[in-house]
């Protein structure tokens, strides 16, 4: 399994749930020492190799952000696809076709691909991602298939569950 520096990994979404990132950081801290590397390998960051030798995260953004915030320099990665041969336009078309990009802001509004941050640390908080993730962990629903299945639940929760400053009226 390869390892790559966290600072070079490009996100394919604009937001993460920072409360859920914090939970991942606490889990990581509990595995300090001999349990750290098995934990990290078990949650290897799924990437797609893209044009200009860029590596794009397509799953495990929350783990990547937690490890970044904890100061880890690198992390294990699993290459899901190698699309280096494509130009930028065809690359992003293929990413969309495969459901490997989610350019939505913290209000659930679609944005341009160019608005996706260039680094893991640049992703902003969407508390509905944390709410959906914690609800799934509590057994309220099964993990949806695909890297971005949890976003469906985040979006579903926006209207009926008000969070101060968030949701349709926020």
Protein backbone atom coordinates (compact mmCIF):
# COMPACT_ATOMS: atom_id res chain seq x y z
CA UNK A 1 0.00 0.00 0.00
CA UNK A 2 1.37 3.37 -1.02
CA UNK A 3 1.62 6.40 1.24
CA UNK A 4 1.39 9.98 0.02
CA UNK A 5 1.91 13.34 1.73
CA UNK A 6 -1.42 14.70 2.94
CA UNK A 7 -0.54 18.17 1.69
CA UNK A 8 -0.53 17.03 -1.96
CA UNK A 9 -3.89 15.24 -1.86
CA UNK A 10 -6.60 17.24 -3.62
CA UNK A 11 -10.15 17.09 -2.21
CA UNK A 12 -13.10 16.49 -4.52
CA UNK A 13 -15.61 18.13 -2.23
CA UNK A 14 -15.89 21.58 -0.71
CA UNK A 15 -17.03 20.63 2.78
CA UNK A 16 -16.62 18.09 5.56
CA UNK A 17 -18.34 17.78 8.91
CA UNK A 18 -15.75 19.16 11.32
CA UNK A 19 -17.41 17.55 14.35
CA UNK A 20 -17.07 14.20 12.59
CA UNK A 21 -13.45 15.04 11.72
CA UNK A 22 -12.87 15.64 15.43
CA UNK A 23 -14.38 12.22 16.22
CA UNK A 24 -11.99 10.62 13.69
CA UNK A 25 -9.10 12.46 15.34
CA UNK A 26 -10.13 11.08 18.76
CA UNK A 27 -10.32 7.56 17.33
CA UNK A 28 -6.86 8.03 15.84
CA UNK A 29 -5.47 9.29 19.17
CA UNK A 30 -6.84 6.18 20.91
CA UNK A 31 -4.82 4.05 18.50
CA UNK A 32 -1.52 5.87 19.09
CA UNK A 33 1.48 3.59 19.18
CA UNK A 34 1.36 0.12 17.66
CA UNK A 35 -2.32 0.43 16.69
CA UNK A 36 -1.90 3.57 14.59
CA UNK A 37 -0.63 2.07 11.34
CA UNK A 38 -3.23 -0.74 11.23
CA UNK A 39 -5.97 1.86 11.83
CA UNK A 40 -4.64 4.08 9.05
CA UNK A 41 -4.27 1.15 6.63
CA UNK A 42 -7.84 0.10 7.43
CA UNK A 43 -9.05 3.56 6.45
CA UNK A 44 -6.70 4.22 3.54
CA UNK A 45 -7.65 7.28 1.55
CA UNK A 46 -9.12 6.36 -1.84
CA UNK A 47 -7.63 8.42 -4.63
CA UNK A 48 -7.87 8.89 -8.38
CA UNK A 49 -4.72 9.82 -10.26
CA UNK A 50 -5.42 12.78 -12.49
CA UNK A 51 -3.82 15.17 -14.96
CA UNK A 52 -0.66 17.03 -14.01
CA UNK A 53 0.31 14.20 -11.62
CA UNK A 54 -2.37 15.28 -9.13
CA UNK A 55 -3.92 12.82 -6.66
CA UNK A 56 -7.62 13.41 -5.94
CA UNK A 57 -9.37 12.05 -2.85
CA UNK A 58 -12.61 10.26 -3.73
CA UNK A 59 -13.34 8.68 -0.34
CA UNK A 60 -12.28 9.16 3.28
CA UNK A 61 -12.07 12.96 3.26
CA UNK A 62 -12.90 12.99 6.99
CA UNK A 63 -10.02 10.66 7.86
CA UNK A 64 -7.67 12.68 5.65
CA UNK A 65 -8.70 15.93 7.33
CA UNK A 66 -8.39 14.41 10.82
CA UNK A 67 -4.88 13.16 10.13
CA UNK A 68 -3.96 16.48 8.54
CA UNK A 69 -5.25 18.37 11.57
CA UNK A 70 -3.32 16.05 13.89
CA UNK A 71 -0.13 16.96 12.03
CA UNK A 72 0.56 13.68 10.25
CA UNK A 73 2.69 14.16 7.17
CA UNK A 74 1.43 11.28 5.10
CA UNK A 75 -1.22 8.59 4.97
CA UNK A 76 -1.90 5.31 3.20
CA UNK A 77 -3.74 5.58 -0.10
CA UNK A 78 -5.54 3.17 -2.39
CA UNK A 79 -5.63 4.08 -6.07
CA UNK A 80 -9.18 3.60 -7.36
CA UNK A 81 -8.50 4.75 -10.92
CA UNK A 82 -5.68 6.13 -13.04
CA UNK A 83 -7.01 8.93 -15.25
CA UNK A 84 -3.69 10.68 -15.83
CA UNK A 85 -4.05 10.23 -19.58
CA UNK A 86 -7.13 12.46 -19.73
CA UNK A 87 -7.09 16.20 -20.22
CA UNK A 88 -8.74 18.35 -17.54
CA UNK A 89 -12.15 18.60 -19.26
CA UNK A 90 -12.44 14.86 -19.88
CA UNK A 91 -11.03 14.11 -16.43
CA UNK A 92 -13.75 16.11 -14.65
CA UNK A 93 -16.42 14.65 -16.94
CA UNK A 94 -15.27 11.15 -15.94
CA UNK A 95 -15.15 12.16 -12.25
CA UNK A 96 -18.77 13.39 -12.48
CA UNK A 97 -19.86 10.29 -14.40
CA UNK A 98 -18.43 8.05 -11.65
CA UNK A 99 -19.84 10.16 -8.81
CA UNK A 100 -16.33 10.99 -7.58
CA UNK A 101 -16.80 14.75 -7.19
CA UNK A 102 -19.24 16.67 -4.99
CA UNK A 103 -18.94 20.45 -5.58
CA UNK A 104 -21.59 21.60 -3.09
CA UNK A 105 -21.17 24.29 -0.44
CA UNK A 106 -22.22 24.23 3.22
CA UNK A 107 -25.78 25.20 2.24
CA UNK A 108 -26.05 22.29 -0.20
CA UNK A 109 -25.78 24.55 -3.27
CA UNK A 110 -23.95 23.31 -6.36
CA UNK A 111 -20.74 25.22 -7.08
CA UNK A 112 -18.16 25.24 -9.84
CA UNK A 113 -15.37 22.65 -9.79
CA UNK A 114 -12.95 25.57 -9.47
CA UNK A 115 -14.44 26.32 -6.03
CA UNK A 116 -13.24 23.02 -4.57
CA UNK A 117 -10.31 23.82 -2.26
CA UNK A 118 -6.85 22.80 -3.38
CA UNK A 119 -5.94 21.29 -0.01
CA UNK A 120 -7.54 19.16 2.68
CA UNK A 121 -7.19 22.01 5.17
CA UNK A 122 -9.19 24.29 2.89
CA UNK A 123 -12.42 22.32 3.16
CA UNK A 124 -15.08 24.18 5.16
CA UNK A 125 -17.50 22.86 7.76
CA UNK A 126 -20.96 21.57 6.94
CA UNK A 127 -22.50 20.46 10.24
CA UNK A 128 -25.12 18.42 8.38
CA UNK A 129 -22.35 16.06 7.26
CA UNK A 130 -21.50 15.44 10.91
CA UNK A 131 -25.16 15.02 11.83
CA UNK A 132 -25.71 12.48 9.05
CA UNK A 133 -22.51 10.59 9.91
CA UNK A 134 -23.35 10.36 13.61
CA UNK A 135 -26.91 9.25 12.79
CA UNK A 136 -25.48 6.49 10.59
CA UNK A 137 -23.05 5.42 13.33
CA UNK A 138 -25.98 5.29 15.77
CA UNK A 139 -27.74 2.85 13.44
CA UNK A 140 -30.37 5.16 11.96
CA UNK A 141 -29.48 4.05 8.43
CA UNK A 142 -27.00 1.81 6.64
CA UNK A 143 -23.96 3.18 4.87
CA UNK A 144 -25.06 4.13 1.35
CA UNK A 145 -23.10 2.73 -1.56
CA UNK A 146 -20.62 5.03 -3.19
CA UNK A 147 -18.23 7.59 -1.84
CA UNK A 148 -20.81 10.36 -1.55
CA UNK A 149 -23.88 8.44 -0.39
CA UNK A 150 -23.84 10.18 2.98
CA UNK A 151 -24.45 13.51 1.28
CA UNK A 152 -27.97 12.37 0.40
CA UNK A 153 -28.70 12.14 4.13
CA UNK A 154 -26.99 15.47 4.83
CA UNK A 155 -29.21 17.13 2.26
CA UNK A 156 -32.30 15.31 3.53
CA UNK A 157 -31.68 16.64 7.06
CA UNK A 158 -31.24 20.31 6.05
CA UNK A 159 -34.95 21.20 5.95
CA UNK A 160 -36.40 19.35 8.97
CA UNK A 161 -33.44 19.75 11.36
CA UNK A 162 -32.52 23.37 12.05
CA UNK A 163 -28.97 24.16 13.09
CA UNK A 164 -28.32 27.76 14.07
CA UNK A 165 -27.08 29.63 11.01
CA UNK A 166 -27.57 26.63 8.69
CA UNK A 167 -30.31 25.08 6.58
CA UNK A 168 -32.64 26.81 4.15
CA UNK A 169 -33.39 29.77 6.41
CA UNK A 170 -29.79 30.11 7.73
